[in-house]
Amino acid sequence: MPSHSESCKGRIFMTKRLLSLSLAAVIGMSAVPGVGQVTGPPSSDVMVVGTRSVGVTVTLGGTVVPYKEVTLAAQLPGRVVHIAGEEGDAFEEGAELVRLNDDELQAQMRAAQTDLANAYAAWRNAGVQYGRQLVSPKEQSTPGGMGMPSLFDRMFTDQARQVVPSNMMGQGNPRYERYADTYSYGTQIEQARNAILQARSRIEQIASKLRDTRSIAPFNGVIAKKLVEVGDTMQPGQPLLKFADIQLLQIRVEVPARLMPGVRKGMIVNARLDVGNRVVRARVSRIWPVADEARHTVTVEFDLPPGSGAGAGMYAEVMIPDVNVRAKTLPVVPDTALVQRGSLPGVYVLNDKNESELRLVRVGEYVDRNNVAILSGLKPGERVLLRPQSGAGAYWTSPQRGH
């Protein structure tokens, strides 16, 4: 059985043990990042905040559009008998997308081909008759002589034919008659040749109409919108479907005329997509030459990088530099230095005691692919952590991270 002194020593030891555990718990709570100060910099790189001249930008809203989009319309009246697919189906260049009924045109084609065959037959016959006339001309018949042969008749009239076109018996001049017959067969050849050309032209005309009954994909793309169904009766000019190339996308923006001095073809600007709130780099690909008379804006198209995640018809914003306002010198940090505290971004700054403190900041626009301007909350020359520890707080949800 323990003595009284031994019991007192045991109670004193337990009391000290509890005090030590309580003190350790208090110190651990004060060391939680974002709650108090963290003694010593975490194991990450440290950088000195620098400045950069940042121009003033104006954010303009636009629409994501396909690089190429066409509306296929009916060229002839007819009934829709075939549609290749539905919205979103992809087709290669040259594929048939829509076909109209062509029964009447096919009947006209068969009739035109028959006319061509008849014209060829007439042309061959005229050529044979023309050749026979040159090699063996027809003998001229005589009106009288009790059936005398024409050869005996010519014996008395040859001398007269050399002087006058006809003889005393009223018979024509054989030379002129042979020439007339030869010319007539030559004319028949020309007429047959013209009939061939006419039949060919008719066939080409019908073939062109037959091609117009089929709507062909002009490039590789997808059906963006189907406007008809099988069985619909179409009239010339009525739209059938919209076909687009969605592999390459653009942002189409109406830029006020006062901002156009800061826009040039080929320049790179920041664009924020509505999906995922991502910031990507967009290139000015086309500037329309004429401004809108009503709104006094110029249409500008910006090429999006492949795989941006945007879709045709989505909303997007483009940051246009305003050269009319003087540039500002602002602190710039990499986006990896930013952390998120609720809805507010912040950075970890090292103080004079080499302790890191969470500093809430106001973030501006990206100055390049990875660096962002700080509008307030940070001064040039301060030291910040480039990559805070995973336990220091949630990373800032950078719109550009992952691009």
Protein backbone atom coordinates (compact mmCIF):
# COMPACT_ATOMS: atom_id res chain seq x y z
CA MET A 1 0.00 0.00 0.00
CA PRO A 2 1.58 3.36 -1.15
CA SER A 3 2.42 5.94 1.46
CA HIS A 4 0.95 9.44 1.64
CA SER A 5 4.09 11.06 0.17
CA GLU A 6 4.11 8.70 -2.80
CA SER A 7 0.46 9.56 -3.56
CA CYS A 8 1.24 13.30 -3.53
CA LYS A 9 4.14 12.79 -5.91
CA GLY A 10 1.87 10.88 -8.31
CA ARG A 11 -0.77 13.63 -8.31
CA ILE A 12 1.90 16.28 -8.96
CA PHE A 13 3.26 14.23 -11.92
CA MET A 14 -0.22 13.85 -13.48
CA THR A 15 -0.85 17.58 -13.08
CA LYS A 16 2.38 18.44 -14.90
CA ARG A 17 1.51 15.92 -17.60
CA LEU A 18 -1.90 17.52 -18.20
CA LEU A 19 -0.38 21.02 -18.29
CA SER A 20 2.16 19.89 -20.90
CA LEU A 21 -0.53 18.38 -23.11
CA SER A 22 -2.71 21.53 -22.84
CA LEU A 23 0.23 23.78 -23.73
CA ALA A 24 1.07 21.62 -26.75
CA ALA A 25 -2.55 21.80 -27.93
CA VAL A 26 -2.56 25.59 -27.64
CA ILE A 27 0.71 25.87 -29.59
CA GLY A 28 -0.67 23.53 -32.29
CA MET A 29 -3.81 25.63 -32.71
CA SER A 30 -1.77 28.82 -33.12
CA ALA A 31 0.28 27.14 -35.84
CA VAL A 32 -2.70 26.42 -38.12
CA PRO A 33 -2.05 28.23 -41.44
CA GLY A 34 -4.39 31.12 -42.10
CA VAL A 35 -5.34 31.40 -38.44
CA GLY A 36 -2.15 32.82 -37.05
CA GLN A 37 1.48 33.06 -38.11
CA VAL A 38 3.63 30.18 -39.24
CA THR A 39 7.16 30.32 -37.87
CA GLY A 40 9.65 29.74 -40.68
CA PRO A 41 8.88 29.62 -44.39
CA PRO A 42 7.31 26.42 -45.71
CA SER A 43 9.34 24.23 -47.95
CA SER A 44 8.58 26.09 -51.18
CA ASP A 45 10.26 28.68 -53.36
CA VAL A 46 10.23 32.33 -52.46
CA MET A 47 10.24 35.24 -54.91
CA VAL A 48 10.51 39.00 -54.61
CA VAL A 49 7.50 40.76 -56.07
CA GLY A 50 8.37 42.76 -59.14
CA THR A 51 6.41 45.24 -61.21
CA ARG A 52 5.39 45.46 -64.80
CA SER A 53 3.80 48.13 -66.93
CA VAL A 54 0.24 46.95 -67.48
CA GLY A 55 -2.05 48.64 -69.93
CA VAL A 56 -5.69 49.26 -69.24
CA THR A 57 -7.99 46.72 -70.85
CA VAL A 58 -11.69 46.78 -71.59
CA THR A 59 -13.66 43.55 -71.33
CA LEU A 60 -16.12 43.01 -74.16
CA GLY A 61 -18.63 40.21 -74.51
CA GLY A 62 -18.88 38.11 -77.65
CA THR A 63 -20.09 34.80 -79.02
CA VAL A 64 -18.16 31.68 -79.91
CA VAL A 65 -18.77 30.85 -83.56
CA PRO A 66 -17.46 28.12 -85.90
CA TYR A 67 -14.55 28.98 -88.14
CA LYS A 68 -16.68 28.00 -91.16
CA GLU A 69 -20.45 27.67 -91.31
CA VAL A 70 -22.78 27.42 -94.30
CA THR A 71 -26.53 27.18 -94.76
CA LEU A 72 -27.45 24.67 -97.45
CA ALA A 73 -30.62 25.66 -99.33
CA ALA A 74 -32.80 23.99 -101.96
CA GLN A 75 -31.95 24.91 -105.56
CA LEU A 76 -34.98 23.25 -107.15
CA PRO A 77 -38.55 22.50 -106.09
CA GLY A 78 -38.97 18.97 -104.84
CA ARG A 79 -39.65 16.63 -101.97
CA VAL A 80 -36.99 15.64 -99.43
CA VAL A 81 -36.30 11.92 -99.74
CA HIS A 82 -33.06 11.55 -97.75
CA ILE A 83 -31.25 13.28 -94.85
CA ALA A 84 -27.84 11.90 -93.91
CA GLY A 85 -28.05 12.38 -90.12
CA GLU A 86 -28.96 14.44 -87.11
CA GLU A 87 -27.42 17.42 -85.32
CA GLY A 88 -23.86 16.67 -84.25
CA ASP A 89 -23.20 13.95 -86.84
CA ALA A 90 -19.85 14.46 -88.56
CA PHE A 91 -19.28 14.10 -92.32
CA GLU A 92 -16.31 14.46 -94.62
CA GLU A 93 -16.08 16.81 -97.55
CA GLY A 94 -18.13 15.55 -100.52
CA ALA A 95 -20.62 13.52 -98.49
CA GLU A 96 -24.29 13.72 -99.47
CA LEU A 97 -26.29 15.46 -96.74
CA VAL A 98 -29.77 15.99 -98.28
CA ARG A 99 -31.37 14.67 -101.47
CA LEU A 100 -34.57 15.76 -103.20
CA ASN A 101 -36.84 13.65 -105.43
CA ASP A 102 -35.49 13.57 -109.04
CA ASP A 103 -37.91 11.24 -110.91
CA GLU A 104 -39.00 13.92 -113.40
CA LEU A 105 -35.42 14.95 -114.15
CA GLN A 106 -34.42 11.33 -114.71
CA ALA A 107 -37.21 11.00 -117.31
CA GLN A 108 -36.01 14.15 -119.05
CA MET A 109 -32.49 12.77 -119.06
CA ARG A 110 -33.60 9.57 -120.81
CA ALA A 111 -35.46 11.60 -123.46
CA ALA A 112 -32.41 13.81 -124.04
CA GLN A 113 -30.18 10.77 -124.42
CA THR A 114 -32.59 9.37 -127.04
CA ASP A 115 -32.44 12.66 -128.96
CA LEU A 116 -28.66 12.45 -128.88
CA ALA A 117 -28.72 8.93 -130.31
CA ASN A 118 -31.05 10.03 -133.14
CA ALA A 119 -28.81 12.98 -133.90
CA TYR A 120 -25.79 10.69 -134.18
CA ALA A 121 -27.74 8.39 -136.56
CA ALA A 122 -28.76 11.32 -138.78
CA TRP A 123 -25.17 12.57 -138.79
CA ARG A 124 -23.81 9.20 -139.91
CA ASN A 125 -26.47 8.87 -142.65
CA ALA A 126 -25.74 12.37 -143.96
CA GLY A 127 -22.05 11.55 -144.08
CA VAL A 128 -22.68 8.38 -146.10
CA GLN A 129 -24.92 10.20 -148.61
CA TYR A 130 -22.36 12.99 -148.96
CA GLY A 131 -19.61 10.48 -149.71
CA ARG A 132 -21.74 8.61 -152.25
CA GLN A 133 -22.49 11.84 -154.07
CA LEU A 134 -18.79 12.61 -154.35
CA VAL A 135 -17.82 9.12 -155.59
CA SER A 136 -20.91 8.12 -157.63
CA PRO A 137 -23.28 11.03 -158.34
CA LYS A 138 -26.88 10.34 -159.20
CA GLU A 139 -27.89 10.26 -162.93
CA GLN A 140 -30.30 12.92 -164.07
CA SER A 141 -33.57 11.66 -165.62
CA THR A 142 -34.96 13.00 -168.95
CA PRO A 143 -38.52 14.20 -169.47
CA GLY A 144 -39.03 12.69 -172.97
CA GLY A 145 -37.44 10.66 -175.77
CA MET A 146 -39.82 7.72 -175.49
CA GLY A 147 -37.72 6.26 -172.69
CA MET A 148 -34.38 7.04 -174.32
CA PRO A 149 -31.46 6.49 -172.04
CA SER A 150 -30.03 9.58 -170.49
CA LEU A 151 -26.65 8.79 -171.96
CA PHE A 152 -28.09 9.06 -175.56
CA ASP A 153 -29.87 12.26 -174.54
CA ARG A 154 -26.64 13.84 -173.32
CA MET A 155 -24.88 13.08 -176.62
CA PHE A 156 -27.05 15.68 -178.35
CA THR A 157 -26.97 18.25 -175.59
CA ASP A 158 -23.40 18.24 -174.29
CA GLN A 159 -22.38 21.05 -176.58
CA ALA A 160 -25.39 23.17 -175.60
CA ARG A 161 -24.73 22.65 -171.83
CA GLN A 162 -21.29 24.16 -172.17
CA VAL A 163 -22.83 27.41 -173.33
CA VAL A 164 -26.18 27.74 -171.56
CA PRO A 165 -27.43 26.33 -168.24
CA SER A 166 -30.19 24.36 -169.95
CA ASN A 167 -30.66 22.76 -173.35
CA MET A 168 -33.46 22.92 -175.85
CA MET A 169 -35.27 20.03 -174.20
CA GLY A 170 -35.45 21.88 -170.84
CA GLN A 171 -33.03 19.57 -169.04
CA GLY A 172 -30.88 21.20 -166.27
CA ASN A 173 -27.12 21.47 -166.24
CA PRO A 174 -25.68 18.29 -164.63
CA ARG A 175 -22.73 20.18 -163.13
CA TYR A 176 -24.96 22.58 -161.24
CA GLU A 177 -27.26 19.79 -160.19
CA ARG A 178 -24.36 17.72 -158.85
CA TYR A 179 -23.09 20.74 -156.95
CA ALA A 180 -26.55 21.35 -155.50
CA ASP A 181 -26.92 17.73 -154.41
CA THR A 182 -23.47 17.74 -152.81
CA TYR A 183 -24.22 20.99 -150.98
CA SER A 184 -27.56 19.59 -149.75
CA TYR A 185 -25.89 16.53 -148.21
CA GLY A 186 -23.24 18.75 -146.63
CA THR A 187 -26.02 20.85 -145.11
CA GLN A 188 -27.60 17.69 -143.70
CA ILE A 189 -24.26 16.85 -142.03
CA GLU A 190 -24.11 20.28 -140.45
CA GLN A 191 -27.71 20.01 -139.24
CA ALA A 192 -27.04 16.60 -137.73
CA ARG A 193 -23.91 17.94 -136.00
CA ASN A 194 -25.89 20.85 -134.57
CA ALA A 195 -28.56 18.43 -133.36
CA ILE A 196 -25.83 16.48 -131.55
CA LEU A 197 -24.57 19.64 -129.85
CA GLN A 198 -28.09 20.62 -128.88
CA ALA A 199 -28.79 17.17 -127.38
CA ARG A 200 -25.52 17.29 -125.47
CA SER A 201 -26.35 20.72 -124.10
CA ARG A 202 -29.73 19.47 -122.98
CA ILE A 203 -28.11 16.53 -121.21
CA GLU A 204 -25.64 18.83 -119.44
CA GLN A 205 -28.48 21.09 -118.35
CA ILE A 206 -30.44 18.19 -116.88
CA ALA A 207 -27.30 16.80 -115.23
CA SER A 208 -26.74 20.16 -113.56
CA LYS A 209 -30.28 20.11 -112.19
CA LEU A 210 -29.76 16.55 -110.97
CA ARG A 211 -26.69 17.73 -109.05
CA ASP A 212 -28.77 20.51 -107.51
CA THR A 213 -31.12 17.91 -106.03
CA ARG A 214 -28.23 16.75 -103.79
CA SER A 215 -26.73 18.93 -101.05
CA ILE A 216 -23.05 18.03 -100.61
CA ALA A 217 -20.80 18.78 -97.62
CA PRO A 218 -18.42 21.57 -98.78
CA PHE A 219 -15.83 20.72 -96.08
CA ASN A 220 -15.28 18.42 -93.11
CA GLY A 221 -17.75 19.31 -90.39
CA VAL A 222 -20.93 18.45 -88.52
CA ILE A 223 -24.62 19.17 -88.94
CA ALA A 224 -25.17 22.19 -86.72
CA LYS A 225 -28.94 22.47 -87.23
CA LYS A 226 -31.43 20.45 -89.25
CA LEU A 227 -34.24 22.57 -90.69
CA VAL A 228 -36.29 19.97 -92.65
CA GLU A 229 -37.49 16.40 -92.37
CA VAL A 230 -37.96 13.62 -94.91
CA GLY A 231 -41.17 14.25 -96.84
CA ASP A 232 -41.09 18.05 -96.67
CA THR A 233 -41.80 19.82 -99.97
CA MET A 234 -39.17 22.42 -100.75
CA GLN A 235 -39.06 25.52 -102.92
CA PRO A 236 -35.93 27.13 -104.39
CA GLY A 237 -34.04 29.12 -101.75
CA GLN A 238 -35.62 27.41 -98.75
CA PRO A 239 -32.92 26.42 -96.18
CA LEU A 240 -32.31 22.73 -95.55
CA LEU A 241 -29.69 22.61 -92.78
CA LYS A 242 -26.68 24.39 -91.29
CA PHE A 243 -23.29 22.75 -91.65
CA ALA A 244 -20.27 23.92 -89.63
CA ASP A 245 -16.62 23.17 -88.96
CA ILE A 246 -16.33 23.10 -85.16
CA GLN A 247 -12.75 21.87 -84.99
CA LEU A 248 -11.63 25.50 -85.12
CA LEU A 249 -13.63 28.10 -83.19
CA GLN A 250 -13.62 31.86 -83.03
CA ILE A 251 -14.96 34.59 -80.78
CA ARG A 252 -16.89 37.24 -82.68
CA VAL A 253 -16.95 40.58 -80.86
CA GLU A 254 -18.35 43.99 -81.69
CA VAL A 255 -15.53 46.38 -80.75
CA PRO A 256 -16.33 50.10 -80.27
CA ALA A 257 -14.59 52.32 -82.77
CA ARG A 258 -12.63 54.16 -80.03
CA LEU A 259 -10.83 50.92 -79.11
CA MET A 260 -9.85 49.98 -82.67
CA PRO A 261 -6.46 51.82 -82.54
CA GLY A 262 -5.34 49.15 -80.06
CA VAL A 263 -6.45 46.22 -82.20
CA ARG A 264 -4.38 44.83 -85.05
CA LYS A 265 -4.43 41.60 -86.99
CA GLY A 266 -2.30 38.85 -85.46
CA MET A 267 -2.13 40.31 -81.92
CA ILE A 268 -2.71 38.04 -78.91
CA VAL A 269 -5.23 38.96 -76.21
CA ASN A 270 -6.72 37.24 -73.17
CA ALA A 271 -10.18 35.73 -73.48
CA ARG A 272 -12.37 34.35 -70.72
CA LEU A 273 -14.68 31.49 -71.61
CA ASP A 274 -18.06 31.10 -70.00
CA VAL A 275 -17.48 27.37 -69.52
CA GLY A 276 -15.21 26.80 -66.52
CA ASN A 277 -14.38 30.51 -66.33
CA ARG A 278 -11.14 29.70 -68.13
CA VAL A 279 -8.74 32.32 -69.47
CA VAL A 280 -7.11 31.42 -72.79
CA ARG A 281 -5.06 33.25 -75.38
CA ALA A 282 -6.90 34.34 -78.52
CA ARG A 283 -5.43 35.71 -81.74
CA VAL A 284 -7.01 38.43 -83.88
CA SER A 285 -7.66 36.71 -87.20
CA ARG A 286 -10.01 39.07 -89.00
CA ILE A 287 -11.05 42.69 -88.75
CA TRP A 288 -14.06 43.66 -90.81
CA PRO A 289 -13.30 46.63 -93.07
CA VAL A 290 -16.56 48.53 -92.51
CA ALA A 291 -18.06 49.59 -89.19
CA ASP A 292 -21.72 49.12 -88.30
CA GLU A 293 -23.58 52.31 -89.13
CA ALA A 294 -26.12 51.94 -86.31
CA ARG A 295 -23.89 50.84 -83.42
CA HIS A 296 -20.59 52.34 -84.64
CA THR A 297 -18.73 49.14 -83.86
CA VAL A 298 -16.32 47.00 -85.85
CA THR A 299 -16.69 43.23 -85.99
CA VAL A 300 -13.48 41.47 -84.93
CA GLU A 301 -12.92 37.70 -84.94
CA PHE A 302 -10.47 36.02 -82.54
CA ASP A 303 -9.13 32.50 -83.12
CA LEU A 304 -9.36 30.20 -80.10
CA PRO A 305 -6.66 27.58 -79.48
CA PRO A 306 -7.59 23.95 -80.25
CA GLY A 307 -8.98 22.09 -77.26
CA SER A 308 -10.11 25.23 -75.47
CA GLY A 309 -13.31 23.52 -74.33
CA ALA A 310 -15.57 26.16 -75.81
CA GLY A 311 -18.59 25.37 -77.95
CA ALA A 312 -20.29 27.21 -80.77
CA GLY A 313 -22.92 29.63 -79.48
CA MET A 314 -21.37 30.04 -76.02
CA TYR A 315 -20.71 33.38 -74.37
CA ALA A 316 -17.11 34.59 -74.07
CA GLU A 317 -15.28 37.76 -73.06
CA VAL A 318 -12.25 39.35 -74.68
CA MET A 319 -9.87 41.82 -73.01
CA ILE A 320 -9.18 44.62 -75.49
CA PRO A 321 -6.33 47.07 -74.66
CA ASP A 322 -7.37 50.69 -74.37
CA VAL A 323 -4.50 52.74 -75.83
CA ASN A 324 -6.29 55.96 -74.92
CA VAL A 325 -5.51 55.41 -71.22
CA ARG A 326 -1.96 55.53 -69.83
CA ALA A 327 -0.50 52.21 -68.67
CA LYS A 328 -0.08 51.48 -64.95
CA THR A 329 2.85 49.91 -63.10
CA LEU A 330 1.49 47.07 -60.96
CA PRO A 331 2.94 44.19 -58.91
CA VAL A 332 2.96 40.90 -60.79
CA VAL A 333 3.07 37.37 -59.32
CA PRO A 334 2.69 33.90 -60.85
CA ASP A 335 -0.77 32.44 -60.54
CA THR A 336 0.70 29.49 -58.61
CA ALA A 337 1.37 31.86 -55.68
CA LEU A 338 -2.34 32.57 -55.25
CA VAL A 339 -4.49 30.65 -52.80
CA GLN A 340 -8.22 30.77 -52.24
CA ARG A 341 -9.85 31.78 -48.97
CA GLY A 342 -13.54 31.34 -49.56
CA SER A 343 -14.27 33.63 -52.47
CA LEU A 344 -11.20 35.84 -51.91
CA PRO A 345 -7.74 35.20 -53.37
CA GLY A 346 -4.61 35.74 -51.34
CA VAL A 347 -0.84 35.18 -51.17
CA TYR A 348 1.51 34.14 -48.41
CA VAL A 349 3.97 36.97 -47.64
CA LEU A 350 7.16 36.56 -45.57
CA ASN A 351 7.67 39.25 -42.93
CA ASP A 352 10.91 40.47 -41.34
CA LYS A 353 10.91 37.53 -38.94
CA ASN A 354 10.80 35.12 -41.87
CA GLU A 355 7.25 34.17 -40.94
CA SER A 356 4.57 33.66 -43.61
CA GLU A 357 1.33 35.60 -43.37
CA LEU A 358 -1.77 35.25 -45.50
CA ARG A 359 -2.47 38.49 -47.36
CA LEU A 360 -5.74 39.00 -49.22
CA VAL A 361 -5.23 40.68 -52.59
CA ARG A 362 -7.27 42.00 -55.48
CA VAL A 363 -6.38 40.21 -58.69
CA GLY A 364 -6.25 41.97 -62.06
CA GLU A 365 -5.78 40.63 -65.56
CA TYR A 366 -3.15 38.23 -66.83
CA VAL A 367 -0.08 39.98 -68.22
CA ASP A 368 1.12 36.80 -69.93
CA ARG A 369 0.36 33.09 -69.88
CA ASN A 370 1.21 32.46 -66.19
CA ASN A 371 1.62 35.84 -64.45
CA VAL A 372 -1.20 37.96 -63.13
CA ALA A 373 -1.29 41.59 -62.03
CA ILE A 374 -2.20 42.50 -58.43
CA LEU A 375 -4.36 45.60 -58.15
CA SER A 376 -4.15 45.98 -54.36
CA GLY A 377 -2.93 44.21 -51.24
CA LEU A 378 0.69 43.69 -52.29
CA LYS A 379 3.69 45.97 -52.71
CA PRO A 380 6.76 45.63 -54.91
CA GLY A 381 9.76 44.19 -53.08
CA GLU A 382 7.77 41.96 -50.73
CA ARG A 383 8.56 38.26 -50.60
CA VAL A 384 5.84 35.74 -51.44
CA LEU A 385 5.71 31.97 -51.57
CA LEU A 386 5.58 30.68 -55.13
CA ARG A 387 4.04 27.32 -54.24
CA PRO A 388 2.43 27.30 -50.81
CA GLN A 389 2.24 24.00 -48.96
CA SER A 390 -0.86 21.91 -49.51
CA GLY A 391 -1.77 22.49 -45.88
CA ALA A 392 -1.50 26.27 -46.16
CA GLY A 393 -4.91 26.61 -47.78
CA ALA A 394 -6.75 25.74 -50.94
CA TYR A 395 -5.09 26.70 -54.19
CA TRP A 396 -6.57 29.63 -56.02
CA THR A 397 -9.00 28.48 -58.70
CA SER A 398 -7.05 30.06 -61.53
CA PRO A 399 -9.15 30.41 -64.69
CA GLN A 400 -6.05 29.63 -66.70
CA ARG A 401 -4.82 26.64 -64.67
CA GLY A 402 -4.93 23.48 -66.74
CA HIS A 403 -4.66 25.28 -70.11
